[in-house]
N, C-alpha and C. Protein backbone atom coordinates (compact mmCIF):
# COMPACT_ATOMS: atom_id res chain seq x y z
N PRO A 1 29.73 -82.22 27.00
CA PRO A 1 28.94 -81.37 26.14
C PRO A 1 28.94 -79.94 26.70
N SER A 2 28.69 -79.02 25.81
CA SER A 2 28.70 -77.63 26.24
C SER A 2 27.35 -77.31 26.89
N LEU A 3 27.38 -76.17 27.57
CA LEU A 3 26.20 -75.74 28.30
C LEU A 3 25.07 -75.38 27.34
N ARG A 4 25.44 -74.84 26.19
CA ARG A 4 24.42 -74.43 25.20
C ARG A 4 23.70 -75.65 24.64
N LYS A 5 24.43 -76.74 24.33
CA LYS A 5 23.79 -77.95 23.82
C LYS A 5 22.87 -78.54 24.89
N MET A 6 23.28 -78.48 26.14
CA MET A 6 22.43 -79.05 27.22
C MET A 6 21.12 -78.26 27.30
N LYS A 7 21.19 -76.95 27.12
CA LYS A 7 19.98 -76.14 27.20
C LYS A 7 19.06 -76.45 26.03
N VAL A 8 19.66 -76.70 24.83
CA VAL A 8 18.83 -77.01 23.66
C VAL A 8 18.13 -78.34 23.87
N TRP A 9 18.89 -79.36 24.36
CA TRP A 9 18.28 -80.67 24.61
C TRP A 9 17.16 -80.59 25.68
N SER A 10 17.43 -79.77 26.70
CA SER A 10 16.40 -79.61 27.75
C SER A 10 15.13 -78.99 27.20
N LEU A 11 15.33 -77.97 26.35
CA LEU A 11 14.20 -77.37 25.71
C LEU A 11 13.44 -78.30 24.80
N ALA A 12 14.18 -79.15 24.06
CA ALA A 12 13.56 -80.11 23.17
C ALA A 12 12.76 -81.16 23.97
N ARG A 13 13.29 -81.61 25.07
CA ARG A 13 12.57 -82.57 25.90
C ARG A 13 11.26 -81.96 26.49
N THR A 14 11.35 -80.71 26.92
CA THR A 14 10.20 -80.02 27.43
C THR A 14 9.11 -79.85 26.34
N ALA A 15 9.57 -79.59 25.14
CA ALA A 15 8.59 -79.42 24.05
C ALA A 15 7.95 -80.76 23.73
N GLN A 16 8.73 -81.87 23.78
CA GLN A 16 8.17 -83.19 23.52
C GLN A 16 7.11 -83.56 24.57
N ARG A 17 7.33 -83.21 25.79
CA ARG A 17 6.35 -83.50 26.82
C ARG A 17 5.09 -82.64 26.68
N ALA A 18 5.20 -81.48 26.13
CA ALA A 18 4.05 -80.53 26.01
C ALA A 18 3.19 -80.85 24.83
N VAL A 19 3.76 -81.49 23.77
CA VAL A 19 2.99 -81.76 22.53
C VAL A 19 1.81 -82.64 22.77
N PRO A 20 1.91 -83.76 23.53
CA PRO A 20 0.70 -84.58 23.77
C PRO A 20 -0.41 -83.82 24.48
N LEU A 21 -0.03 -82.93 25.39
CA LEU A 21 -1.04 -82.14 26.09
C LEU A 21 -1.80 -81.25 25.15
N VAL A 22 -1.15 -80.66 24.21
CA VAL A 22 -1.80 -79.75 23.24
C VAL A 22 -2.78 -80.56 22.42
N PHE A 23 -2.35 -81.75 21.91
CA PHE A 23 -3.23 -82.56 21.12
C PHE A 23 -4.43 -83.10 21.90
N ARG A 24 -4.17 -83.42 23.14
CA ARG A 24 -5.25 -83.90 24.01
C ARG A 24 -6.31 -82.85 24.21
N ARG A 25 -5.89 -81.58 24.35
CA ARG A 25 -6.83 -80.53 24.61
C ARG A 25 -7.67 -80.23 23.33
N ASN A 26 -7.07 -80.33 22.18
CA ASN A 26 -7.82 -80.04 20.94
C ASN A 26 -8.80 -81.14 20.57
N GLY A 27 -8.54 -82.35 20.97
CA GLY A 27 -9.46 -83.45 20.69
C GLY A 27 -9.42 -83.91 19.24
N HIS A 28 -8.47 -83.51 18.47
CA HIS A 28 -8.33 -83.96 17.05
C HIS A 28 -9.56 -83.74 16.21
N GLY A 29 -10.39 -82.74 16.55
CA GLY A 29 -11.58 -82.44 15.75
C GLY A 29 -12.74 -83.31 16.04
N HIS A 30 -12.66 -84.26 16.96
CA HIS A 30 -13.81 -85.14 17.30
C HIS A 30 -14.57 -84.62 18.46
N HIS A 31 -15.43 -83.66 18.19
CA HIS A 31 -16.23 -83.05 19.27
C HIS A 31 -17.59 -83.71 19.29
N ALA A 32 -18.26 -83.57 20.41
CA ALA A 32 -19.62 -84.13 20.51
C ALA A 32 -20.54 -83.31 19.60
N PRO A 33 -21.48 -83.95 18.93
CA PRO A 33 -22.40 -83.19 18.04
C PRO A 33 -23.25 -82.23 18.85
N VAL A 34 -23.53 -81.07 18.29
CA VAL A 34 -24.37 -80.10 18.95
C VAL A 34 -25.80 -80.40 18.64
N ASN A 35 -26.64 -80.45 19.64
CA ASN A 35 -28.06 -80.69 19.44
C ASN A 35 -28.75 -79.38 19.10
N PRO A 36 -29.23 -79.19 17.88
CA PRO A 36 -29.80 -77.93 17.50
C PRO A 36 -31.22 -77.79 18.01
N GLY A 37 -31.84 -78.80 18.57
CA GLY A 37 -33.23 -78.69 19.08
C GLY A 37 -34.18 -79.14 18.03
N PRO A 38 -35.45 -78.89 18.29
CA PRO A 38 -36.49 -79.31 17.33
C PRO A 38 -36.45 -78.44 16.08
N PRO A 39 -37.03 -78.93 14.99
CA PRO A 39 -37.02 -78.12 13.77
C PRO A 39 -37.85 -76.85 13.97
N CYS A 40 -37.47 -75.83 13.25
CA CYS A 40 -38.11 -74.53 13.40
C CYS A 40 -39.48 -74.55 12.73
N THR A 41 -40.50 -74.17 13.49
CA THR A 41 -41.83 -74.05 12.93
C THR A 41 -42.39 -72.69 13.25
N MET A 42 -43.57 -72.38 12.69
CA MET A 42 -44.21 -71.07 12.96
C MET A 42 -45.21 -71.19 14.08
N ASP A 43 -45.22 -72.28 14.86
CA ASP A 43 -46.20 -72.44 15.93
C ASP A 43 -46.04 -71.44 17.03
N SER A 44 -44.84 -70.97 17.27
CA SER A 44 -44.61 -70.02 18.37
C SER A 44 -44.91 -68.58 17.98
N MET A 45 -45.25 -68.31 16.76
CA MET A 45 -45.52 -66.95 16.29
C MET A 45 -46.94 -66.52 16.75
N PRO A 46 -47.13 -65.30 17.23
CA PRO A 46 -48.45 -64.86 17.67
C PRO A 46 -49.36 -64.69 16.47
N VAL A 47 -50.61 -65.04 16.65
CA VAL A 47 -51.65 -64.90 15.62
C VAL A 47 -52.34 -63.59 15.81
N PRO A 48 -52.44 -62.72 14.81
CA PRO A 48 -53.09 -61.44 14.99
C PRO A 48 -54.61 -61.62 15.27
N PHE A 49 -55.16 -60.77 16.19
CA PHE A 49 -56.55 -60.90 16.48
C PHE A 49 -57.28 -59.54 16.35
N GLN A 50 -56.54 -58.50 15.93
CA GLN A 50 -57.15 -57.19 15.71
C GLN A 50 -56.84 -56.77 14.28
N PRO A 51 -57.65 -55.88 13.74
CA PRO A 51 -57.38 -55.37 12.38
C PRO A 51 -56.04 -54.62 12.33
N TYR A 52 -55.35 -54.70 11.25
CA TYR A 52 -54.05 -54.11 11.09
C TYR A 52 -54.12 -52.59 11.20
N SER A 53 -55.13 -51.98 10.58
CA SER A 53 -55.23 -50.52 10.57
C SER A 53 -55.42 -49.97 11.99
N LYS A 54 -56.19 -50.66 12.84
CA LYS A 54 -56.42 -50.18 14.19
C LYS A 54 -55.09 -50.20 14.98
N VAL A 55 -54.37 -51.30 14.95
CA VAL A 55 -53.11 -51.43 15.64
C VAL A 55 -52.10 -50.46 15.10
N TYR A 56 -52.04 -50.33 13.76
CA TYR A 56 -51.09 -49.41 13.16
C TYR A 56 -51.39 -47.96 13.62
N GLY A 57 -52.64 -47.58 13.67
CA GLY A 57 -52.97 -46.24 14.13
C GLY A 57 -52.59 -45.97 15.55
N GLU A 58 -52.82 -46.97 16.42
CA GLU A 58 -52.42 -46.77 17.84
C GLU A 58 -50.92 -46.65 17.98
N LEU A 59 -50.21 -47.51 17.28
CA LEU A 59 -48.72 -47.49 17.39
C LEU A 59 -48.17 -46.20 16.79
N GLN A 60 -48.72 -45.75 15.70
CA GLN A 60 -48.24 -44.52 15.08
C GLN A 60 -48.46 -43.32 15.96
N ALA A 61 -49.63 -43.28 16.66
CA ALA A 61 -49.91 -42.19 17.59
C ALA A 61 -48.89 -42.16 18.72
N LYS A 62 -48.59 -43.33 19.26
CA LYS A 62 -47.59 -43.43 20.33
C LYS A 62 -46.23 -43.03 19.85
N PHE A 63 -45.82 -43.52 18.70
CA PHE A 63 -44.47 -43.20 18.18
C PHE A 63 -44.40 -41.71 17.80
N ASN A 64 -45.42 -41.13 17.29
CA ASN A 64 -45.42 -39.72 16.94
C ASN A 64 -45.32 -38.85 18.21
N THR A 65 -45.94 -39.32 19.29
CA THR A 65 -45.81 -38.61 20.57
C THR A 65 -44.34 -38.67 21.06
N TYR A 66 -43.72 -39.85 20.94
CA TYR A 66 -42.32 -39.97 21.30
C TYR A 66 -41.45 -39.06 20.48
N LEU A 67 -41.75 -39.00 19.13
CA LEU A 67 -40.94 -38.16 18.24
C LEU A 67 -41.09 -36.68 18.62
N ALA A 68 -42.31 -36.26 18.88
CA ALA A 68 -42.54 -34.84 19.24
C ALA A 68 -41.86 -34.51 20.55
N GLY A 69 -41.95 -35.39 21.51
CA GLY A 69 -41.31 -35.12 22.81
C GLY A 69 -39.79 -35.08 22.70
N SER A 70 -39.22 -35.99 21.93
CA SER A 70 -37.76 -35.95 21.78
C SER A 70 -37.28 -34.75 20.98
N PHE A 71 -38.09 -34.31 19.99
CA PHE A 71 -37.73 -33.13 19.21
C PHE A 71 -37.81 -31.89 20.12
N ALA A 72 -38.82 -31.81 21.00
CA ALA A 72 -38.92 -30.67 21.87
C ALA A 72 -37.75 -30.68 22.88
N PHE A 73 -37.36 -31.84 23.37
CA PHE A 73 -36.25 -31.92 24.29
C PHE A 73 -34.94 -31.53 23.59
N PHE A 74 -34.79 -31.93 22.35
CA PHE A 74 -33.61 -31.53 21.58
C PHE A 74 -33.52 -30.04 21.40
N ILE A 75 -34.64 -29.40 21.01
CA ILE A 75 -34.64 -27.95 20.84
C ILE A 75 -34.33 -27.26 22.17
N LEU A 76 -34.91 -27.72 23.27
CA LEU A 76 -34.66 -27.14 24.56
C LEU A 76 -33.18 -27.29 24.91
N ALA A 77 -32.62 -28.48 24.76
CA ALA A 77 -31.20 -28.70 25.12
C ALA A 77 -30.24 -27.91 24.23
N PHE A 78 -30.59 -27.85 22.92
CA PHE A 78 -29.72 -27.08 22.03
C PHE A 78 -29.77 -25.58 22.32
N SER A 79 -30.97 -25.07 22.64
CA SER A 79 -31.07 -23.65 22.94
C SER A 79 -30.34 -23.33 24.20
N TYR A 80 -30.39 -24.20 25.22
CA TYR A 80 -29.65 -23.99 26.45
C TYR A 80 -28.14 -24.05 26.17
N ALA A 81 -27.72 -24.92 25.32
CA ALA A 81 -26.28 -25.01 25.01
C ALA A 81 -25.81 -23.74 24.29
N VAL A 82 -26.61 -23.21 23.40
CA VAL A 82 -26.27 -21.95 22.73
C VAL A 82 -26.24 -20.83 23.76
N TYR A 83 -27.23 -20.79 24.66
CA TYR A 83 -27.26 -19.76 25.70
C TYR A 83 -26.05 -19.80 26.59
N GLU A 84 -25.57 -20.98 26.94
CA GLU A 84 -24.41 -21.13 27.82
C GLU A 84 -23.12 -21.06 27.04
N ASP A 85 -23.16 -20.89 25.75
CA ASP A 85 -22.03 -20.81 24.88
C ASP A 85 -21.18 -22.06 24.95
N ILE A 86 -21.81 -23.23 24.89
CA ILE A 86 -21.11 -24.51 24.93
C ILE A 86 -20.26 -24.67 23.65
N PHE A 87 -20.73 -24.13 22.55
CA PHE A 87 -20.01 -24.32 21.25
C PHE A 87 -18.95 -23.28 21.03
N ILE A 88 -18.67 -22.45 22.06
CA ILE A 88 -17.69 -21.38 22.05
C ILE A 88 -17.70 -20.58 20.71
N TYR A 89 -18.91 -20.19 20.34
CA TYR A 89 -19.06 -19.44 19.12
C TYR A 89 -18.36 -18.06 19.20
N GLU A 90 -18.45 -17.40 20.31
CA GLU A 90 -17.83 -16.09 20.48
C GLU A 90 -16.29 -16.21 20.40
N ALA A 91 -15.71 -17.31 20.92
CA ALA A 91 -14.29 -17.45 20.92
C ALA A 91 -13.74 -17.85 19.56
N LEU A 92 -14.58 -18.46 18.74
CA LEU A 92 -14.08 -18.95 17.44
C LEU A 92 -14.20 -17.91 16.32
N ARG A 93 -15.12 -16.95 16.47
CA ARG A 93 -15.31 -16.00 15.40
C ARG A 93 -14.27 -14.88 15.52
N THR A 94 -14.14 -14.06 14.48
CA THR A 94 -13.16 -12.98 14.52
C THR A 94 -13.53 -11.96 15.59
N PRO A 95 -12.57 -11.33 16.19
CA PRO A 95 -12.85 -10.38 17.27
C PRO A 95 -13.59 -9.17 16.73
N GLN A 96 -14.45 -8.61 17.60
CA GLN A 96 -15.15 -7.38 17.21
C GLN A 96 -14.18 -6.19 17.37
N SER A 97 -14.59 -5.07 16.82
CA SER A 97 -13.75 -3.87 16.96
C SER A 97 -13.82 -3.36 18.39
N TYR A 98 -12.83 -2.56 18.71
CA TYR A 98 -12.75 -2.03 20.06
C TYR A 98 -14.00 -1.18 20.34
N ARG A 99 -14.45 -0.44 19.37
CA ARG A 99 -15.63 0.45 19.54
C ARG A 99 -16.87 -0.37 19.90
N ASN A 100 -17.07 -1.53 19.19
CA ASN A 100 -18.26 -2.30 19.45
C ASN A 100 -18.17 -3.08 20.76
N ARG A 101 -16.99 -3.45 21.22
CA ARG A 101 -16.84 -4.14 22.46
C ARG A 101 -17.01 -3.25 23.67
N ASN A 102 -16.74 -1.96 23.53
CA ASN A 102 -16.80 -1.02 24.67
C ASN A 102 -17.82 0.08 24.39
N LYS A 103 -19.09 -0.32 24.19
CA LYS A 103 -20.14 0.68 23.92
C LYS A 103 -20.68 1.29 25.18
N ASN A 104 -20.29 0.88 26.36
CA ASN A 104 -20.88 1.37 27.59
C ASN A 104 -20.73 2.83 27.64
């Protein structure tokens, strides 16, 4: 037989030996059932003990403080970026006239 036929038969025998391993790993779809745990109830949910309006007011005050602080930080950071010319505004706009650039 030719060398090519021998290589084909060798490849076929290797494939036949590998097929049972593949099927053994997959388990033919017979997996152990997953235990989902106890049925879902509302027993673990916290029960409110304060009036809604009181808690809402406290949370809104805290969140409004966070909002004001973050807005102030944004304004400060943006003004610093403009001061340092981070957005290269001067480089992107049209050049000024020679007279305006050299007013000294």
